[in-house]
PDB file of all heavy atoms in Angstrom:
ATOM      1  N   GLY A   1     100.883  39.500  50.722  1.00  0.00           N
ATOM      2  CA  GLY A   1     100.628  40.525  49.731  1.00  0.00           C
ATOM      3  C   GLY A   1     101.749  40.408  48.734  1.00  0.00           C
ATOM      4  O   GLY A   1     101.663  39.691  47.737  1.00  0.00           O
ATOM      5  N   ILE A   2     102.841  41.105  49.008  1.00  0.00           N
ATOM      6  CA  ILE A   2     104.063  40.903  48.227  1.00  0.00           C
ATOM      7  C   ILE A   2     104.619  39.509  48.525  1.00  0.00           C
ATOM      8  O   ILE A   2     105.023  38.766  47.632  1.00  0.00           O
ATOM      9  CB  ILE A   2     105.102  41.980  48.580  1.00  0.00           C
ATOM     10  CG1 ILE A   2     104.546  43.372  48.289  1.00  0.00           C
ATOM     11  CG2 ILE A   2     106.400  41.749  47.814  1.00  0.00           C
ATOM     12  CD1 ILE A   2     105.430  44.492  48.766  1.00  0.00           C
ATOM     13  N   MET A   3     104.642  39.183  49.816  1.00  0.00           N
ATOM     14  CA  MET A   3     105.096  37.856  50.244  1.00  0.00           C
ATOM     15  C   MET A   3     104.063  36.804  49.845  1.00  0.00           C
ATOM     16  O   MET A   3     102.872  37.002  50.019  1.00  0.00           O
ATOM     17  CB  MET A   3     105.299  37.845  51.755  1.00  0.00           C
ATOM     18  CG  MET A   3     105.476  36.461  52.367  1.00  0.00           C
ATOM     19  SD  MET A   3     106.853  35.569  51.656  1.00  0.00           S
ATOM     20  CE  MET A   3     108.207  36.558  52.229  1.00  0.00           C
ATOM     21  N   LYS A   4     104.540  35.685  49.294  1.00  0.00           N
ATOM     22  CA  LYS A   4     103.640  34.608  48.866  1.00  0.00           C
ATOM     23  C   LYS A   4     103.590  33.519  49.934  1.00  0.00           C
ATOM     24  O   LYS A   4     104.611  33.106  50.472  1.00  0.00           O
ATOM     25  CB  LYS A   4     104.117  34.030  47.526  1.00  0.00           C
ATOM     26  CG  LYS A   4     104.052  35.035  46.366  1.00  0.00           C
ATOM     27  CD  LYS A   4     104.580  34.419  45.090  1.00  0.00           C
ATOM     28  CE  LYS A   4     104.427  35.378  43.911  1.00  0.00           C
ATOM     29  NZ  LYS A   4     105.190  36.637  44.108  1.00  0.00           N
ATOM     30  N   CYS A   5     102.388  33.076  50.222  1.00  0.00           N
ATOM     31  CA  CYS A   5     102.187  32.085  51.280  1.00  0.00           C
ATOM     32  C   CYS A   5     102.894  30.765  50.982  1.00  0.00           C
ATOM     33  O   CYS A   5     103.337  30.079  51.903  1.00  0.00           O
ATOM     34  CB  CYS A   5     100.686  31.829  51.476  1.00  0.00           C
ATOM     35  SG  CYS A   5      99.798  33.249  52.173  1.00  0.00           S
ATOM     36  N   ASP A   6     102.985  30.398  49.704  1.00  0.00           N
ATOM     37  CA  ASP A   6     103.647  29.135  49.393  1.00  0.00           C
ATOM     38  C   ASP A   6     105.152  29.206  49.663  1.00  0.00           C
ATOM     39  O   ASP A   6     105.765  28.200  50.032  1.00  0.00           O
ATOM     40  CB  ASP A   6     103.378  28.719  47.939  1.00  0.00           C
ATOM     41  CG  ASP A   6     103.799  29.785  46.932  1.00  0.00           C
ATOM     42  OD1 ASP A   6     103.729  30.977  47.277  1.00  0.00           O
ATOM     43  OD2 ASP A   6     104.196  29.424  45.805  1.00  0.00           O
ATOM     44  N   VAL A   7     105.750  30.395  49.516  1.00  0.00           N
ATOM     45  CA  VAL A   7     107.167  30.561  49.838  1.00  0.00           C
ATOM     46  C   VAL A   7     107.393  30.388  51.338  1.00  0.00           C
ATOM     47  O   VAL A   7     108.325  29.713  51.774  1.00  0.00           O
ATOM     48  CB  VAL A   7     107.678  31.940  49.369  1.00  0.00           C
ATOM     49  CG1 VAL A   7     109.112  32.179  49.842  1.00  0.00           C
ATOM     50  CG2 VAL A   7     107.594  32.042  47.855  1.00  0.00           C
ATOM     51  N   ILE A   8     106.518  31.025  52.128  1.00  0.00           N
ATOM     52  CA  ILE A   8     106.586  30.881  53.578  1.00  0.00           C
ATOM     53  C   ILE A   8     106.408  29.423  53.980  1.00  0.00           C
ATOM     54  O   ILE A   8     107.152  28.879  54.811  1.00  0.00           O
ATOM     55  CB  ILE A   8     105.513  31.743  54.268  1.00  0.00           C
ATOM     56  CG1 ILE A   8     105.877  33.212  54.186  1.00  0.00           C
ATOM     57  CG2 ILE A   8     105.317  31.316  55.721  1.00  0.00           C
ATOM     58  CD1 ILE A   8     106.949  33.662  55.134  1.00  0.00           C
ATOM     59  N   ALA A   9     105.424  28.777  53.388  1.00  0.00           N
ATOM     60  CA  ALA A   9     105.123  27.386  53.734  1.00  0.00           C
ATOM     61  C   ALA A   9     106.296  26.474  53.406  1.00  0.00           C
ATOM     62  O   ALA A   9     106.696  25.640  54.227  1.00  0.00           O
ATOM     63  CB  ALA A   9     103.867  26.927  52.990  1.00  0.00           C
ATOM     64  N   GLN A  10     106.858  26.623  52.203  1.00  0.00           N
ATOM     65  CA  GLN A  10     107.976  25.765  51.816  1.00  0.00           C
ATOM     66  C   GLN A  10     109.202  26.034  52.683  1.00  0.00           C
ATOM     67  O   GLN A  10     109.913  25.107  53.080  1.00  0.00           O
ATOM     68  CB  GLN A  10     108.321  25.986  50.344  1.00  0.00           C
ATOM     69  CG  GLN A  10     109.306  24.956  49.795  1.00  0.00           C
ATOM     70  CD  GLN A  10     108.753  23.538  49.882  1.00  0.00           C
ATOM     71  OE1 GLN A  10     107.682  23.238  49.347  1.00  0.00           O
ATOM     72  NE2 GLN A  10     109.474  22.651  50.572  1.00  0.00           N
ATOM     73  N   GLY A  11     109.444  27.292  52.988  1.00  0.00           N
ATOM     74  CA  GLY A  11     110.562  27.637  53.870  1.00  0.00           C
ATOM     75  C   GLY A  11     110.387  27.042  55.251  1.00  0.00           C
ATOM     76  O   GLY A  11     111.349  26.549  55.861  1.00  0.00           O
ATOM     77  N   THR A  12     109.163  27.087  55.753  1.00  0.00           N
ATOM     78  CA  THR A  12     108.872  26.511  57.075  1.00  0.00           C
ATOM     79  C   THR A  12     109.094  25.004  57.080  1.00  0.00           C
ATOM     80  O   THR A  12     109.723  24.447  57.992  1.00  0.00           O
ATOM     81  CB  THR A  12     107.424  26.822  57.480  1.00  0.00           C
ATOM     82  OG1 THR A  12     107.235  28.241  57.512  1.00  0.00           O
ATOM     83  CG2 THR A  12     107.102  26.244  58.844  1.00  0.00           C
ATOM     84  N   VAL A  13     108.594  24.322  56.060  1.00  0.00           N
ATOM     85  CA  VAL A  13     108.757  22.869  55.958  1.00  0.00           C
ATOM     86  C   VAL A  13     110.241  22.501  55.875  1.00  0.00           C
ATOM     87  O   VAL A  13     110.721  21.594  56.571  1.00  0.00           O
ATOM     88  CB  VAL A  13     107.991  22.323  54.733  1.00  0.00           C
ATOM     89  CG1 VAL A  13     108.365  20.857  54.480  1.00  0.00           C
ATOM     90  CG2 VAL A  13     106.494  22.460  54.941  1.00  0.00           C
ATOM     91  N   ASP A  14     110.979  23.226  55.039  1.00  0.00           N
ATOM     92  CA  ASP A  14     112.410  22.948  54.892  1.00  0.00           C
ATOM     93  C   ASP A  14     113.152  23.184  56.201  1.00  0.00           C
ATOM     94  O   ASP A  14     114.059  22.417  56.566  1.00  0.00           O
ATOM     95  CB  ASP A  14     113.008  23.836  53.793  1.00  0.00           C
ATOM     96  CG  ASP A  14     112.515  23.449  52.407  1.00  0.00           C
ATOM     97  OD1 ASP A  14     111.896  22.380  52.275  1.00  0.00           O
ATOM     98  OD2 ASP A  14     112.739  24.236  51.461  1.00  0.00           O
ATOM     99  N   ALA A  15     112.771  24.249  56.899  1.00  0.00           N
ATOM    100  CA  ALA A  15     113.440  24.587  58.156  1.00  0.00           C
ATOM    101  C   ALA A  15     113.178  23.529  59.213  1.00  0.00           C
ATOM    102  O   ALA A  15     114.093  23.113  59.937  1.00  0.00           O
ATOM    103  CB  ALA A  15     112.962  25.948  58.646  1.00  0.00           C
ATOM    104  N   VAL A  16     111.932  23.085  59.315  1.00  0.00           N
ATOM    105  CA  VAL A  16     111.587  22.072  60.309  1.00  0.00           C
ATOM    106  C   VAL A  16     112.332  20.775  60.024  1.00  0.00           C
ATOM    107  O   VAL A  16     112.841  20.112  60.939  1.00  0.00           O
ATOM    108  CB  VAL A  16     110.061  21.835  60.336  1.00  0.00           C
ATOM    109  CG1 VAL A  16     109.734  20.624  61.203  1.00  0.00           C
ATOM    110  CG2 VAL A  16     109.340  23.061  60.860  1.00  0.00           C
ATOM    111  N   LYS A  17     112.421  20.412  58.770  1.00  0.00           N
ATOM    112  CA  LYS A  17     113.127  19.183  58.405  1.00  0.00           C
ATOM    113  C   LYS A  17     114.617  19.287  58.697  1.00  0.00           C
ATOM    114  O   LYS A  17     115.278  18.303  59.021  1.00  0.00           O
ATOM    115  CB  LYS A  17     112.886  18.862  56.931  1.00  0.00           C
ATOM    116  CG  LYS A  17     111.463  18.398  56.628  1.00  0.00           C
ATOM    117  CD  LYS A  17     111.282  18.090  55.147  1.00  0.00           C
ATOM    118  CE  LYS A  17     109.857  17.573  54.872  1.00  0.00           C
ATOM    119  NZ  LYS A  17     109.648  17.294  53.420  1.00  0.00           N
ATOM    120  N   GLU A  18     115.146  20.492  58.590  1.00  0.00           N
ATOM    121  CA  GLU A  18     116.577  20.692  58.787  1.00  0.00           C
ATOM    122  C   GLU A  18     116.966  20.785  60.258  1.00  0.00           C
ATOM    123  O   GLU A  18     117.968  20.201  60.680  1.00  0.00           O
ATOM    124  CB  GLU A  18     117.027  21.973  58.062  1.00  0.00           C
ATOM    125  CG  GLU A  18     118.521  22.212  58.121  1.00  0.00           C
ATOM    126  CD  GLU A  18     118.965  23.388  57.271  1.00  0.00           C
ATOM    127  OE1 GLU A  18     118.228  23.758  56.334  1.00  0.00           O
ATOM    128  OE2 GLU A  18     120.050  23.933  57.549  1.00  0.00           O
ATOM    129  N   VAL A  19     116.163  21.527  61.041  1.00  0.00           N
ATOM    130  CA  VAL A  19     116.543  21.762  62.441  1.00  0.00           C
ATOM    131  C   VAL A  19     115.685  20.987  63.435  1.00  0.00           C
ATOM    132  O   VAL A  19     116.014  20.934  64.620  1.00  0.00           O
ATOM    133  CB  VAL A  19     116.483  23.272  62.785  1.00  0.00           C
ATOM    134  CG1 VAL A  19     117.339  24.066  61.836  1.00  0.00           C
ATOM    135  CG2 VAL A  19     115.053  23.785  62.770  1.00  0.00           C
ATOM    136  N   GLY A  20     114.604  20.391  62.954  1.00  0.00           N
ATOM    137  CA  GLY A  20     113.725  19.657  63.856  1.00  0.00           C
ATOM    138  C   GLY A  20     112.714  20.573  64.526  1.00  0.00           C
ATOM    139  O   GLY A  20     112.843  21.799  64.499  1.00  0.00           O
ATOM    140  N   LEU A  21     111.706  19.968  65.123  1.00  0.00           N
ATOM    141  CA  LEU A  21     110.650  20.731  65.787  1.00  0.00           C
ATOM    142  C   LEU A  21     110.341  20.086  67.128  1.00  0.00           C
ATOM    143  O   LEU A  21     109.808  18.988  67.200  1.00  0.00           O
ATOM    144  CB  LEU A  21     109.388  20.773  64.917  1.00  0.00           C
ATOM    145  CG  LEU A  21     108.215  21.583  65.471  1.00  0.00           C
ATOM    146  CD1 LEU A  21     108.602  23.053  65.603  1.00  0.00           C
ATOM    147  CD2 LEU A  21     106.996  21.444  64.560  1.00  0.00           C
ATOM    148  N   GLU A  22     110.719  20.787  68.206  1.00  0.00           N
ATOM    149  CA  GLU A  22     110.536  20.245  69.547  1.00  0.00           C
ATOM    150  C   GLU A  22     109.505  21.027  70.355  1.00  0.00           C
ATOM    151  O   GLU A  22     109.282  20.720  71.519  1.00  0.00           O
ATOM    152  CB  GLU A  22     111.881  20.237  70.283  1.00  0.00           C
ATOM    153  CG  GLU A  22     112.925  19.353  69.605  1.00  0.00           C
ATOM    154  CD  GLU A  22     114.249  19.353  70.334  1.00  0.00           C
ATOM    155  OE1 GLU A  22     114.353  20.063  71.357  1.00  0.00           O
ATOM    156  OE2 GLU A  22     115.180  18.652  69.890  1.00  0.00           O
ATOM    157  N   VAL A  23     108.903  22.046  69.736  1.00  0.00           N
ATOM    158  CA  VAL A  23     107.892  22.858  70.424  1.00  0.00           C
ATOM    159  C   VAL A  23     106.670  22.964  69.525  1.00  0.00           C
ATOM    160  O   VAL A  23     106.754  22.753  68.306  1.00  0.00           O
ATOM    161  CB  VAL A  23     108.433  24.265  70.750  1.00  0.00           C
ATOM    162  CG1 VAL A  23     109.609  24.179  71.717  1.00  0.00           C
ATOM    163  CG2 VAL A  23     108.825  25.014  69.489  1.00  0.00           C
ATOM    164  N   PRO A  24     105.496  23.273  70.083  1.00  0.00           N
ATOM    165  CA  PRO A  24     104.292  23.438  69.263  1.00  0.00           C
ATOM    166  C   PRO A  24     104.478  24.537  68.213  1.00  0.00           C
ATOM    167  O   PRO A  24     105.110  25.560  68.470  1.00  0.00           O
ATOM    168  CB  PRO A  24     103.220  23.831  70.277  1.00  0.00           C
ATOM    169  CG  PRO A  24     103.727  23.356  71.595  1.00  0.00           C
ATOM    170  CD  PRO A  24     105.217  23.463  71.521  1.00  0.00           C
ATOM    171  N   LEU A  25     103.919  24.319  67.028  1.00  0.00           N
ATOM    172  CA  LEU A  25     103.992  25.288  65.939  1.00  0.00           C
ATOM    173  C   LEU A  25     102.596  25.534  65.379  1.00  0.00           C
ATOM    174  O   LEU A  25     101.933  24.607  64.915  1.00  0.00           O
ATOM    175  CB  LEU A  25     104.917  24.771  64.833  1.00  0.00           C
ATOM    176  CG  LEU A  25     104.964  25.588  63.536  1.00  0.00           C
ATOM    177  CD1 LEU A  25     105.493  26.992  63.803  1.00  0.00           C
ATOM    178  CD2 LEU A  25     105.814  24.873  62.475  1.00  0.00           C
TER     179      LEU A  25
END
């Protein structure tokens, strides 16, 4: 609503690239 899905998506992608992903998402 106020939060934009593309902001969430980009933040998620950046976070995964930075810390890695070892569990299902």
